[in-house]
Amino acid sequence: MKSITLGSNLYFEAYLACPVCYERGKNSGADYWQHADNGCGGKLYLGDDAQYYCEKCKRRSHVGKWKYGCPGHSNSSSDELEYHFASNAALASVISCAGQLVNAAGVPWLQEFLHNLGS
């Protein structure tokens, strides 16, 4: 799993299930996440500072400010994705269950992320 360091923070590729689907009791399966804002399409990374970082446009902000879109919780009669906020609890659960991320990042990374999630 690819990682990058920004300042003192360690970021890993976002390969996760959809937290909105998780909240709704749907199993979306994990996938690599892309930054959809303004059609960017950049690869997203998740940091121990509870921020996403877009490799393409360099945007970096707290996970609580982002909306999530995927076919699993969008209207199946439309090609457009619906974007919704997810709760911190759902996001924490999805990340805690992401075995590949937790194995690569380690428990200290996960603990730091969870600490910063509420910030």
PDB file of N, CA and C in Angstrom:
ATOM      1  N   MET A   1       0.853  -1.173   0.000  1.00  0.00           N
ATOM      2  CA  MET A   1       0.000   0.000   0.000  1.00  0.00           C
ATOM      3  C   MET A   1       0.898   1.235   0.000  1.00  0.00           C
ATOM      4  N   LYS A   2       0.654   2.116  -0.951  1.00  0.00           N
ATOM      5  CA  LYS A   2       1.484   3.312  -1.110  1.00  0.00           C
ATOM      6  C   LYS A   2       1.238   4.303   0.024  1.00  0.00           C
ATOM      7  N   SER A   3       2.314   4.903   0.499  1.00  0.00           N
ATOM      8  CA  SER A   3       2.213   5.909   1.550  1.00  0.00           C
ATOM      9  C   SER A   3       3.083   7.108   1.193  1.00  0.00           C
ATOM     10  N   ILE A   4       2.731   8.258   1.772  1.00  0.00           N
ATOM     11  CA  ILE A   4       3.516   9.480   1.619  1.00  0.00           C
ATOM     12  C   ILE A   4       3.559  10.176   2.970  1.00  0.00           C
ATOM     13  N   THR A   5       4.580  10.977   3.168  1.00  0.00           N
ATOM     14  CA  THR A   5       4.715  11.768   4.389  1.00  0.00           C
ATOM     15  C   THR A   5       4.580  13.238   4.024  1.00  0.00           C
ATOM     16  N   LEU A   6       3.697  13.925   4.747  1.00  0.00           N
ATOM     17  CA  LEU A   6       3.510  15.368   4.579  1.00  0.00           C
ATOM     18  C   LEU A   6       3.767  16.003   5.937  1.00  0.00           C
ATOM     19  N   GLY A   7       4.857  16.730   6.040  1.00  0.00           N
ATOM     20  CA  GLY A   7       5.240  17.272   7.339  1.00  0.00           C
ATOM     21  C   GLY A   7       5.546  16.112   8.274  1.00  0.00           C
ATOM     22  N   SER A   8       4.889  16.083   9.408  1.00  0.00           N
ATOM     23  CA  SER A   8       5.095  14.991  10.369  1.00  0.00           C
ATOM     24  C   SER A   8       3.988  13.941  10.290  1.00  0.00           C
ATOM     25  N   ASN A   9       3.141  14.032   9.261  1.00  0.00           N
ATOM     26  CA  ASN A   9       1.996  13.131   9.154  1.00  0.00           C
ATOM     27  C   ASN A   9       2.192  12.101   8.049  1.00  0.00           C
ATOM     28  N   LEU A  10       1.748  10.872   8.348  1.00  0.00           N
ATOM     29  CA  LEU A  10       1.863   9.758   7.421  1.00  0.00           C
ATOM     30  C   LEU A  10       0.504   9.490   6.785  1.00  0.00           C
ATOM     31  N   TYR A  11       0.488   9.448   5.453  1.00  0.00           N
ATOM     32  CA  TYR A  11      -0.733   9.231   4.677  1.00  0.00           C
ATOM     33  C   TYR A  11      -0.629   7.922   3.904  1.00  0.00           C
ATOM     34  N   PHE A  12      -1.761   7.218   3.822  1.00  0.00           N
ATOM     35  CA  PHE A  12      -1.851   5.990   3.043  1.00  0.00           C
ATOM     36  C   PHE A  12      -2.937   6.137   1.993  1.00  0.00           C
ATOM     37  N   GLU A  13      -2.765   5.421   0.875  1.00  0.00           N
ATOM     38  CA  GLU A  13      -3.802   5.408  -0.155  1.00  0.00           C
ATOM     39  C   GLU A  13      -5.133   5.049   0.480  1.00  0.00           C
ATOM     40  N   ALA A  14      -6.171   5.754   0.094  1.00  0.00           N
ATOM     41  CA  ALA A  14      -7.513   5.469   0.619  1.00  0.00           C
ATOM     42  C   ALA A  14      -8.103   4.305  -0.173  1.00  0.00           C
ATOM     43  N   TYR A  15      -8.058   3.129   0.410  1.00  0.00           N
ATOM     44  CA  TYR A  15      -8.660   1.927  -0.154  1.00  0.00           C
ATOM     45  C   TYR A  15      -9.633   1.420   0.895  1.00  0.00           C
ATOM     46  N   LEU A  16     -10.859   1.893   0.802  1.00  0.00           N
ATOM     47  CA  LEU A  16     -11.831   1.689   1.871  1.00  0.00           C
ATOM     48  C   LEU A  16     -13.220   1.441   1.308  1.00  0.00           C
ATOM     49  N   ALA A  17     -14.090   0.927   2.166  1.00  0.00           N
ATOM     50  CA  ALA A  17     -15.515   0.824   1.847  1.00  0.00           C
ATOM     51  C   ALA A  17     -16.153   2.191   2.046  1.00  0.00           C
ATOM     52  N   CYS A  18     -17.333   2.379   1.518  1.00  0.00           N
ATOM     53  CA  CYS A  18     -18.044   3.641   1.640  1.00  0.00           C
ATOM     54  C   CYS A  18     -18.660   3.761   3.040  1.00  0.00           C
ATOM     55  N   PRO A  19     -18.344   4.830   3.780  1.00  0.00           N
ATOM     56  CA  PRO A  19     -18.912   4.990   5.122  1.00  0.00           C
ATOM     57  C   PRO A  19     -20.406   5.294   5.123  1.00  0.00           C
ATOM     58  N   VAL A  20     -20.908   5.912   4.050  1.00  0.00           N
ATOM     59  CA  VAL A  20     -22.345   6.185   3.955  1.00  0.00           C
ATOM     60  C   VAL A  20     -23.092   4.855   3.807  1.00  0.00           C
ATOM     61  N   CYS A  21     -22.601   3.996   2.936  1.00  0.00           N
ATOM     62  CA  CYS A  21     -23.212   2.672   2.785  1.00  0.00           C
ATOM     63  C   CYS A  21     -23.149   1.897   4.100  1.00  0.00           C
ATOM     64  N   TYR A  22     -22.013   2.000   4.786  1.00  0.00           N
ATOM     65  CA  TYR A  22     -21.866   1.317   6.074  1.00  0.00           C
ATOM     66  C   TYR A  22     -22.955   1.769   7.049  1.00  0.00           C
ATOM     67  N   GLU A  23     -23.174   3.083   7.123  1.00  0.00           N
ATOM     68  CA  GLU A  23     -24.214   3.624   8.010  1.00  0.00           C
ATOM     69  C   GLU A  23     -25.597   3.104   7.646  1.00  0.00           C
ATOM     70  N   ARG A  24     -25.800   2.864   6.378  1.00  0.00           N
ATOM     71  CA  ARG A  24     -27.114   2.411   5.888  1.00  0.00           C
ATOM     72  C   ARG A  24     -27.242   0.890   5.857  1.00  0.00           C
ATOM     73  N   GLY A  25     -26.237   0.199   6.367  1.00  0.00           N
ATOM     74  CA  GLY A  25     -26.294  -1.257   6.425  1.00  0.00           C
ATOM     75  C   GLY A  25     -26.012  -1.948   5.108  1.00  0.00           C
ATOM     76  N   LYS A  26     -25.375  -1.253   4.180  1.00  0.00           N
ATOM     77  CA  LYS A  26     -25.034  -1.840   2.879  1.00  0.00           C
ATOM     78  C   LYS A  26     -23.549  -2.159   2.846  1.00  0.00           C
ATOM     79  N   ASN A  27     -23.205  -3.261   2.200  1.00  0.00           N
ATOM     80  CA  ASN A  27     -21.801  -3.629   2.038  1.00  0.00           C
ATOM     81  C   ASN A  27     -21.352  -3.191   0.656  1.00  0.00           C
ATOM     82  N   SER A  28     -20.576  -2.116   0.587  1.00  0.00           N
ATOM     83  CA  SER A  28     -20.146  -1.582  -0.704  1.00  0.00           C
ATOM     84  C   SER A  28     -18.842  -2.208  -1.174  1.00  0.00           C
ATOM     85  N   GLY A  29     -18.118  -2.878  -0.294  1.00  0.00           N
ATOM     86  CA  GLY A  29     -16.806  -3.387  -0.663  1.00  0.00           C
ATOM     87  C   GLY A  29     -15.798  -2.255  -0.748  1.00  0.00           C
ATOM     88  N   ALA A  30     -14.543  -2.579  -0.611  1.00  0.00           N
ATOM     89  CA  ALA A  30     -13.487  -1.559  -0.639  1.00  0.00           C
ATOM     90  C   ALA A  30     -13.091  -1.229  -2.074  1.00  0.00           C
ATOM     91  N   ASP A  31     -12.639   0.001  -2.248  1.00  0.00           N
ATOM     92  CA  ASP A  31     -12.149   0.456  -3.547  1.00  0.00           C
ATOM     93  C   ASP A  31     -11.195   1.622  -3.300  1.00  0.00           C
ATOM     94  N   TYR A  32     -10.370   1.933  -4.306  1.00  0.00           N
ATOM     95  CA  TYR A  32      -9.524   3.118  -4.208  1.00  0.00           C
ATOM     96  C   TYR A  32     -10.394   4.351  -4.388  1.00  0.00           C
ATOM     97  N   TRP A  33     -10.149   5.357  -3.585  1.00  0.00           N
ATOM     98  CA  TRP A  33     -10.959   6.565  -3.620  1.00  0.00           C
ATOM     99  C   TRP A  33     -10.307   7.626  -4.482  1.00  0.00           C
ATOM    100  N   GLN A  34     -11.174   8.383  -5.181  1.00  0.00           N
ATOM    101  CA  GLN A  34     -10.722   9.490  -6.011  1.00  0.00           C
ATOM    102  C   GLN A  34     -11.414  10.766  -5.561  1.00  0.00           C
ATOM    103  N   HIS A  35     -10.731  11.870  -5.769  1.00  0.00           N
ATOM    104  CA  HIS A  35     -11.257  13.190  -5.448  1.00  0.00           C
ATOM    105  C   HIS A  35     -12.176  13.624  -6.579  1.00  0.00           C
ATOM    106  N   ALA A  36     -13.451  13.779  -6.284  1.00  0.00           N
ATOM    107  CA  ALA A  36     -14.436  14.095  -7.328  1.00  0.00           C
ATOM    108  C   ALA A  36     -14.712  15.588  -7.465  1.00  0.00           C
ATOM    109  N   ASP A  37     -14.295  16.408  -6.503  1.00  0.00           N
ATOM    110  CA  ASP A  37     -14.595  17.840  -6.532  1.00  0.00           C
ATOM    111  C   ASP A  37     -14.079  18.473  -7.826  1.00  0.00           C
ATOM    112  N   ASN A  38     -14.948  19.170  -8.530  1.00  0.00           N
ATOM    113  CA  ASN A  38     -14.617  19.854  -9.784  1.00  0.00           C
ATOM    114  C   ASN A  38     -13.994  18.912 -10.820  1.00  0.00           C
ATOM    115  N   GLY A  39     -14.367  17.630 -10.765  1.00  0.00           N
ATOM    116  CA  GLY A  39     -13.867  16.660 -11.730  1.00  0.00           C
ATOM    117  C   GLY A  39     -12.393  16.357 -11.601  1.00  0.00           C
ATOM    118  N   CYS A  40     -11.812  16.584 -10.444  1.00  0.00           N
ATOM    119  CA  CYS A  40     -10.376  16.420 -10.233  1.00  0.00           C
ATOM    120  C   CYS A  40      -9.900  15.014 -10.605  1.00  0.00           C
ATOM    121  N   GLY A  41     -10.462  13.989  -9.978  1.00  0.00           N
ATOM    122  CA  GLY A  41     -10.073  12.616 -10.279  1.00  0.00           C
ATOM    123  C   GLY A  41      -8.766  12.165  -9.667  1.00  0.00           C
ATOM    124  N   GLY A  42      -8.173  12.983  -8.794  1.00  0.00           N
ATOM    125  CA  GLY A  42      -6.902  12.618  -8.170  1.00  0.00           C
ATOM    126  C   GLY A  42      -7.039  11.523  -7.144  1.00  0.00           C
ATOM    127  N   LYS A  43      -5.951  10.810  -6.918  1.00  0.00           N
ATOM    128  CA  LYS A  43      -5.903   9.744  -5.925  1.00  0.00           C
ATOM    129  C   LYS A  43      -5.927  10.355  -4.527  1.00  0.00           C
ATOM    130  N   LEU A  44      -6.778   9.798  -3.650  1.00  0.00           N
ATOM    131  CA  LEU A  44      -6.875  10.307  -2.278  1.00  0.00           C
ATOM    132  C   LEU A  44      -6.050   9.471  -1.314  1.00  0.00           C
ATOM    133  N   TYR A  45      -5.463  10.182  -0.353  1.00  0.00           N
ATOM    134  CA  TYR A  45      -4.699   9.573   0.726  1.00  0.00           C
ATOM    135  C   TYR A  45      -5.339   9.973   2.042  1.00  0.00           C
ATOM    136  N   LEU A  46      -5.231   9.104   3.025  1.00  0.00           N
ATOM    137  CA  LEU A  46      -5.792   9.327   4.353  1.00  0.00           C
ATOM    138  C   LEU A  46      -4.650   9.404   5.351  1.00  0.00           C
ATOM    139  N   GLY A  47      -4.617  10.510   6.126  1.00  0.00           N
ATOM    140  CA  GLY A  47      -3.508  10.729   7.038  1.00  0.00           C
ATOM    141  C   GLY A  47      -3.850  10.472   8.487  1.00  0.00           C
ATOM    142  N   ASP A  48      -2.816  10.275   9.293  1.00  0.00           N
ATOM    143  CA  ASP A  48      -3.014  10.074  10.730  1.00  0.00           C
ATOM    144  C   ASP A  48      -3.525  11.339  11.407  1.00  0.00           C
ATOM    145  N   ASP A  49      -3.510  12.463  10.686  1.00  0.00           N
ATOM    146  CA  ASP A  49      -4.075  13.714  11.194  1.00  0.00           C
ATOM    147  C   ASP A  49      -5.557  13.838  10.852  1.00  0.00           C
ATOM    148  N   ALA A  50      -6.171  12.713  10.381  1.00  0.00           N
ATOM    149  CA  ALA A  50      -7.596  12.648  10.009  1.00  0.00           C
ATOM    150  C   ALA A  50      -7.925  13.631   8.893  1.00  0.00           C
ATOM    151  N   GLN A  51      -7.007  13.748   7.947  1.00  0.00           N
ATOM    152  CA  GLN A  51      -7.240  14.580   6.774  1.00  0.00           C
ATOM    153  C   GLN A  51      -7.044  13.749   5.512  1.00  0.00           C
ATOM    154  N   TYR A  52      -7.782  14.129   4.475  1.00  0.00           N
ATOM    155  CA  TYR A  52      -7.544  13.574   3.158  1.00  0.00           C
ATOM    156  C   TYR A  52      -6.581  14.496   2.442  1.00  0.00           C
ATOM    157  N   TYR A  53      -5.790  13.908   1.565  1.00  0.00           N
ATOM    158  CA  TYR A  53      -4.878  14.658   0.708  1.00  0.00           C
ATOM    159  C   TYR A  53      -5.058  14.147  -0.711  1.00  0.00           C
ATOM    160  N   CYS A  54      -5.283  15.063  -1.648  1.00  0.00           N
ATOM    161  CA  CYS A  54      -5.420  14.708  -3.051  1.00  0.00           C
ATOM    162  C   CYS A  54      -4.059  14.872  -3.732  1.00  0.00           C
ATOM    163  N   GLU A  55      -3.590  13.780  -4.306  1.00  0.00           N
ATOM    164  CA  GLU A  55      -2.276  13.779  -4.950  1.00  0.00           C
ATOM    165  C   GLU A  55      -2.230  14.719  -6.164  1.00  0.00           C
ATOM    166  N   LYS A  56      -3.364  14.916  -6.827  1.00  0.00           N
ATOM    167  CA  LYS A  56      -3.397  15.715  -8.050  1.00  0.00           C
ATOM    168  C   LYS A  56      -3.497  17.220  -7.780  1.00  0.00           C
ATOM    169  N   CYS A  57      -4.531  17.627  -7.030  1.00  0.00           N
ATOM    170  CA  CYS A  57      -4.750  19.067  -6.825  1.00  0.00           C
ATOM    171  C   CYS A  57      -4.158  19.576  -5.504  1.00  0.00           C
ATOM    172  N   LYS A  58      -3.641  18.655  -4.703  1.00  0.00           N
ATOM    173  CA  LYS A  58      -2.962  18.983  -3.431  1.00  0.00           C
ATOM    174  C   LYS A  58      -3.900  19.469  -2.334  1.00  0.00           C
ATOM    175  N   ARG A  59      -5.218  19.338  -2.520  1.00  0.00           N
ATOM    176  CA  ARG A  59      -6.158  19.744  -1.474  1.00  0.00           C
ATOM    177  C   ARG A  59      -5.965  18.830  -0.272  1.00  0.00           C
ATOM    178  N   ARG A  60      -6.053  19.430   0.891  1.00  0.00           N
ATOM    179  CA  ARG A  60      -5.875  18.699   2.147  1.00  0.00           C
ATOM    180  C   ARG A  60      -6.829  19.292   3.165  1.00  0.00           C
ATOM    181  N   SER A  61      -7.737  18.453   3.685  1.00  0.00           N
ATOM    182  CA  SER A  61      -8.664  18.945   4.701  1.00  0.00           C
ATOM    183  C   SER A  61      -9.214  17.789   5.526  1.00  0.00           C
ATOM    184  N   HIS A  62      -9.796  18.146   6.668  1.00  0.00           N
ATOM    185  CA  HIS A  62     -10.299  17.169   7.632  1.00  0.00           C
ATOM    186  C   HIS A  62     -11.384  16.298   7.006  1.00  0.00           C
ATOM    187  N   VAL A  63     -11.370  15.020   7.352  1.00  0.00           N
ATOM    188  CA  VAL A  63     -12.321  14.057   6.782  1.00  0.00           C
ATOM    189  C   VAL A  63     -13.770  14.418   7.074  1.00  0.00           C
ATOM    190  N   GLY A  64     -14.031  15.131   8.140  1.00  0.00           N
ATOM    191  CA  GLY A  64     -15.391  15.519   8.491  1.00  0.00           C
ATOM    192  C   GLY A  64     -15.997  16.539   7.555  1.00  0.00           C
ATOM    193  N   LYS A  65     -15.180  17.152   6.706  1.00  0.00           N
ATOM    194  CA  LYS A  65     -15.668  18.167   5.765  1.00  0.00           C
ATOM    195  C   LYS A  65     -15.982  17.587   4.392  1.00  0.00           C
ATOM    196  N   TRP A  66     -15.780  16.300   4.214  1.00  0.00           N
ATOM    197  CA  TRP A  66     -15.942  15.671   2.905  1.00  0.00           C
ATOM    198  C   TRP A  66     -17.267  14.931   2.815  1.00  0.00           C
ATOM    199  N   LYS A  67     -17.792  14.881   1.587  1.00  0.00           N
ATOM    200  CA  LYS A  67     -18.966  14.067   1.288  1.00  0.00           C
ATOM    201  C   LYS A  67     -18.499  12.858   0.480  1.00  0.00           C
ATOM    202  N   TYR A  68     -19.290  11.791   0.541  1.00  0.00           N
ATOM    203  CA  TYR A  68     -18.913  10.532  -0.083  1.00  0.00           C
ATOM    204  C   TYR A  68     -19.947  10.129  -1.120  1.00  0.00           C
ATOM    205  N   GLY A  69     -19.467   9.746  -2.287  1.00  0.00           N
ATOM    206  CA  GLY A  69     -20.352   9.302  -3.351  1.00  0.00           C
ATOM    207  C   GLY A  69     -19.933   7.934  -3.853  1.00  0.00           C
ATOM    208  N   CYS A  70     -20.904   7.059  -4.008  1.00  0.00           N
ATOM    209  CA  CYS A  70     -20.630   5.751  -4.596  1.00  0.00           C
ATOM    210  C   CYS A  70     -21.937   5.188  -5.151  1.00  0.00           C
ATOM    211  N   PRO A  71     -21.845   4.242  -6.074  1.00  0.00           N
ATOM    212  CA  PRO A  71     -23.065   3.662  -6.656  1.00  0.00           C
ATOM    213  C   PRO A  71     -23.933   2.943  -5.624  1.00  0.00           C
ATOM    214  N   GLY A  72     -23.337   2.471  -4.535  1.00  0.00           N
ATOM    215  CA  GLY A  72     -24.077   1.709  -3.540  1.00  0.00           C
ATOM    216  C   GLY A  72     -25.171   2.482  -2.823  1.00  0.00           C
ATOM    217  N   HIS A  73     -25.000   3.787  -2.646  1.00  0.00           N
ATOM    218  CA  HIS A  73     -26.033   4.574  -1.962  1.00  0.00           C
ATOM    219  C   HIS A  73     -26.662   5.633  -2.870  1.00  0.00           C
ATOM    220  N   SER A  74     -26.338   5.573  -4.151  1.00  0.00           N
ATOM    221  CA  SER A  74     -26.915   6.520  -5.103  1.00  0.00           C
ATOM    222  C   SER A  74     -28.133   5.915  -5.780  1.00  0.00           C
ATOM    223  N   ASN A  75     -28.930   6.771  -6.396  1.00  0.00           N
ATOM    224  CA  ASN A  75     -30.135   6.349  -7.108  1.00  0.00           C
ATOM    225  C   ASN A  75     -29.731   5.497  -8.309  1.00  0.00           C
ATOM    226  N   SER A  76     -30.175   4.261  -8.320  1.00  0.00           N
ATOM    227  CA  SER A  76     -29.765   3.329  -9.376  1.00  0.00           C
ATOM    228  C   SER A  76     -30.311   3.699 -10.750  1.00  0.00           C
ATOM    229  N   SER A  77     -31.297   4.595 -10.817  1.00  0.00           N
ATOM    230  CA  SER A  77     -31.865   4.970 -12.119  1.00  0.00           C
ATOM    231  C   SER A  77     -31.105   6.124 -12.767  1.00  0.00           C
ATOM    232  N   SER A  78     -30.034   6.575 -12.128  1.00  0.00           N
ATOM    233  CA  SER A  78     -29.267   7.703 -12.646  1.00  0.00           C
ATOM    234  C   SER A  78     -27.785   7.346 -12.673  1.00  0.00           C
ATOM    235  N   ASP A  79     -27.057   7.909 -13.612  1.00  0.00           N
ATOM    236  CA  ASP A  79     -25.609   7.711 -13.667  1.00  0.00           C
ATOM    237  C   ASP A  79     -24.867   8.644 -12.713  1.00  0.00           C
ATOM    238  N   GLU A  80     -25.582   9.619 -12.155  1.00  0.00           N
ATOM    239  CA  GLU A  80     -24.976  10.595 -11.251  1.00  0.00           C
ATOM    240  C   GLU A  80     -24.838  10.003  -9.847  1.00  0.00           C
ATOM    241  N   LEU A  81     -23.696  10.213  -9.231  1.00  0.00           N
ATOM    242  CA  LEU A  81     -23.509   9.782  -7.849  1.00  0.00           C
ATOM    243  C   LEU A  81     -24.127  10.801  -6.912  1.00  0.00           C
ATOM    244  N   GLU A  82     -24.681  10.316  -5.826  1.00  0.00           N
ATOM    245  CA  GLU A  82     -25.195  11.185  -4.766  1.00  0.00           C
ATOM    246  C   GLU A  82     -24.127  11.285  -3.687  1.00  0.00           C
ATOM    247  N   TYR A  83     -23.857  12.506  -3.243  1.00  0.00           N
ATOM    248  CA  TYR A  83     -22.812  12.747  -2.245  1.00  0.00           C
ATOM    249  C   TYR A  83     -23.449  13.099  -0.907  1.00  0.00           C
ATOM    250  N   HIS A  84     -22.983  12.407   0.150  1.00  0.00           N
ATOM    251  CA  HIS A  84     -23.522  12.610   1.490  1.00  0.00           C
ATOM    252  C   HIS A  84     -22.389  12.614   2.516  1.00  0.00           C
ATOM    253  N   PHE A  85     -22.607  13.341   3.598  1.00  0.00           N
ATOM    254  CA  PHE A  85     -21.679  13.285   4.722  1.00  0.00           C
ATOM    255  C   PHE A  85     -21.851  11.954   5.437  1.00  0.00           C
ATOM    256  N   ALA A  86     -20.799  11.507   6.101  1.00  0.00           N
ATOM    257  CA  ALA A  86     -20.854  10.308   6.934  1.00  0.00           C
ATOM    258  C   ALA A  86     -20.508  10.705   8.360  1.00  0.00           C
ATOM    259  N   SER A  87     -21.024   9.981   9.303  1.00  0.00           N
ATOM    260  CA  SER A  87     -20.704  10.260  10.708  1.00  0.00           C
ATOM    261  C   SER A  87     -19.263   9.841  11.005  1.00  0.00           C
ATOM    262  N   ASN A  88     -18.695  10.446  12.033  1.00  0.00           N
ATOM    263  CA  ASN A  88     -17.355  10.050  12.463  1.00  0.00           C
ATOM    264  C   ASN A  88     -17.333   8.586  12.876  1.00  0.00           C
ATOM    265  N   ALA A  89     -18.414   8.116  13.488  1.00  0.00           N
ATOM    266  CA  ALA A  89     -18.479   6.715  13.923  1.00  0.00           C
ATOM    267  C   ALA A  89     -18.426   5.773  12.730  1.00  0.00           C
ATOM    268  N   ALA A  90     -19.148   6.095  11.657  1.00  0.00           N
ATOM    269  CA  ALA A  90     -19.129   5.244  10.465  1.00  0.00           C
ATOM    270  C   ALA A  90     -17.758   5.259   9.811  1.00  0.00           C
ATOM    271  N   LEU A  91     -17.159   6.421   9.717  1.00  0.00           N
ATOM    272  CA  LEU A  91     -15.839   6.523   9.120  1.00  0.00           C
ATOM    273  C   LEU A  91     -14.806   5.757   9.948  1.00  0.00           C
ATOM    274  N   ALA A  92     -14.866   5.894  11.260  1.00  0.00           N
ATOM    275  CA  ALA A  92     -13.950   5.168  12.142  1.00  0.00           C
ATOM    276  C   ALA A  92     -14.120   3.659  11.976  1.00  0.00           C
ATOM    277  N   SER A  93     -15.355   3.204  11.857  1.00  0.00           N
ATOM    278  CA  SER A  93     -15.614   1.773  11.693  1.00  0.00           C
ATOM    279  C   SER A  93     -15.055   1.249  10.372  1.00  0.00           C
ATOM    280  N   VAL A  94     -15.285   1.991   9.303  1.00  0.00           N
ATOM    281  CA  VAL A  94     -14.798   1.570   7.988  1.00  0.00           C
ATOM    282  C   VAL A  94     -13.273   1.500   7.984  1.00  0.00           C
ATOM    283  N   ILE A  95     -12.623   2.492   8.575  1.00  0.00           N
ATOM    284  CA  ILE A  95     -11.165   2.519   8.600  1.00  0.00           C
ATOM    285  C   ILE A  95     -10.615   1.426   9.516  1.00  0.00           C
ATOM    286  N   SER A  96     -11.240   1.217  10.649  1.00  0.00           N
ATOM    287  CA  SER A  96     -10.792   0.175  11.579  1.00  0.00           C
ATOM    288  C   SER A  96     -10.916  -1.213  10.969  1.00  0.00           C
ATOM    289  N   CYS A  97     -11.885  -1.386  10.063  1.00  0.00           N
ATOM    290  CA  CYS A  97     -12.110  -2.687   9.417  1.00  0.00           C
ATOM    291  C   CYS A  97     -11.293  -2.866   8.142  1.00  0.00           C
ATOM    292  N   ALA A  98     -10.589  -1.836   7.732  1.00  0.00           N
ATOM    293  CA  ALA A  98      -9.784  -1.914   6.506  1.00  0.00           C
ATOM    294  C   ALA A  98      -8.470  -2.618   6.831  1.00  0.00           C
ATOM    295  N   GLY A  99      -8.501  -3.933   6.748  1.00  0.00           N
ATOM    296  CA  GLY A  99      -7.365  -4.753   7.153  1.00  0.00           C
ATOM    297  C   GLY A  99      -6.061  -4.367   6.495  1.00  0.00           C
ATOM    298  N   GLN A 100      -6.079  -4.132   5.174  1.00  0.00           N
ATOM    299  CA  GLN A 100      -4.855  -3.788   4.464  1.00  0.00           C
ATOM    300  C   GLN A 100      -4.278  -2.480   4.979  1.00  0.00           C
ATOM    301  N   LEU A 101      -5.126  -1.493   5.228  1.00  0.00           N
ATOM    302  CA  LEU A 101      -4.671  -0.205   5.739  1.00  0.00           C
ATOM    303  C   LEU A 101      -4.114  -0.355   7.143  1.00  0.00           C
ATOM    304  N   VAL A 102      -4.842  -1.044   8.014  1.00  0.00           N
ATOM    305  CA  VAL A 102      -4.399  -1.199   9.400  1.00  0.00           C
ATOM    306  C   VAL A 102      -3.097  -1.995   9.456  1.00  0.00           C
ATOM    307  N   ASN A 103      -2.968  -3.029   8.624  1.00  0.00           N
ATOM    308  CA  ASN A 103      -1.723  -3.806   8.602  1.00  0.00           C
ATOM    309  C   ASN A 103      -0.546  -2.957   8.152  1.00  0.00           C
ATOM    310  N   ALA A 104      -0.750  -2.141   7.128  1.00  0.00           N
ATOM    311  CA  ALA A 104       0.329  -1.307   6.605  1.00  0.00           C
ATOM    312  C   ALA A 104       0.651  -0.154   7.553  1.00  0.00           C
ATOM    313  N   ALA A 105      -0.375   0.470   8.098  1.00  0.00           N
ATOM    314  CA  ALA A 105      -0.191   1.659   8.923  1.00  0.00           C
ATOM    315  C   ALA A 105       0.197   1.322  10.353  1.00  0.00           C
ATOM    316  N   GLY A 106      -0.377   0.272  10.890  1.00  0.00           N
ATOM    317  CA  GLY A 106      -0.103  -0.119  12.266  1.00  0.00           C
ATOM    318  C   GLY A 106      -1.074   0.514  13.250  1.00  0.00           C
ATOM    319  N   VAL A 107      -1.108  -0.060  14.422  1.00  0.00           N
ATOM    320  CA  VAL A 107      -2.028   0.394  15.470  1.00  0.00           C
ATOM    321  C   VAL A 107      -1.739   1.823  15.919  1.00  0.00           C
ATOM    322  N   PRO A 108      -0.470   2.241  16.084  1.00  0.00           N
ATOM    323  CA  PRO A 108      -0.224   3.642  16.488  1.00  0.00           C
ATOM    324  C   PRO A 108      -0.799   4.649  15.492  1.00  0.00           C
ATOM    325  N   TRP A 109      -0.691   4.362  14.191  1.00  0.00           N
ATOM    326  CA  TRP A 109      -1.271   5.242  13.172  1.00  0.00           C
ATOM    327  C   TRP A 109      -2.781   5.319  13.355  1.00  0.00           C
ATOM    328  N   LEU A 110      -3.420   4.170  13.522  1.00  0.00           N
ATOM    329  CA  LEU A 110      -4.874   4.120  13.692  1.00  0.00           C
ATOM    330  C   LEU A 110      -5.304   4.884  14.941  1.00  0.00           C
ATOM    331  N   GLN A 111      -4.577   4.723  16.027  1.00  0.00           N
ATOM    332  CA  GLN A 111      -4.910   5.444  17.264  1.00  0.00           C
ATOM    333  C   GLN A 111      -4.788   6.954  17.070  1.00  0.00           C
ATOM    334  N   GLU A 112      -3.757   7.389  16.360  1.00  0.00           N
ATOM    335  CA  GLU A 112      -3.572   8.825  16.108  1.00  0.00           C
ATOM    336  C   GLU A 112      -4.689   9.344  15.213  1.00  0.00           C
ATOM    337  N   PHE A 113      -5.068   8.569  14.195  1.00  0.00           N
ATOM    338  CA  PHE A 113      -6.181   8.964  13.331  1.00  0.00           C
ATOM    339  C   PHE A 113      -7.459   9.127  14.144  1.00  0.00           C
ATOM    340  N   LEU A 114      -7.780   8.136  14.965  1.00  0.00           N
ATOM    341  CA  LEU A 114      -9.008   8.182  15.763  1.00  0.00           C
ATOM    342  C   LEU A 114      -8.991   9.360  16.737  1.00  0.00           C
ATOM    343  N   HIS A 115      -7.835   9.665  17.299  1.00  0.00           N
ATOM    344  CA  HIS A 115      -7.698  10.826  18.183  1.00  0.00           C
ATOM    345  C   HIS A 115      -8.005  12.120  17.425  1.00  0.00           C
ATOM    346  N   ASN A 116      -7.465  12.238  16.202  1.00  0.00           N
ATOM    347  CA  ASN A 116      -7.637  13.449  15.401  1.00  0.00           C
ATOM    348  C   ASN A 116      -8.985  13.519  14.699  1.00  0.00           C
ATOM    349  N   LEU A 117      -9.698  12.410  14.624  1.00  0.00           N
ATOM    350  CA  LEU A 117     -10.999  12.388  13.971  1.00  0.00           C
ATOM    351  C   LEU A 117     -11.976  13.334  14.644  1.00  0.00           C
ATOM    352  N   GLY A 118     -11.917  13.413  15.944  1.00  0.00           N
ATOM    353  CA  GLY A 118     -12.835  14.268  16.682  1.00  0.00           C
ATOM    354  C   GLY A 118     -12.413  15.728  16.729  1.00  0.00           C
ATOM    355  N   SER A 119     -11.238  16.041  16.189  1.00  0.00           N
ATOM    356  CA  SER A 119     -10.730  17.423  16.231  1.00  0.00           C
ATOM    357  C   SER A 119     -11.478  18.345  15.311  1.00  0.00           C
TER     358      SER A 119
END
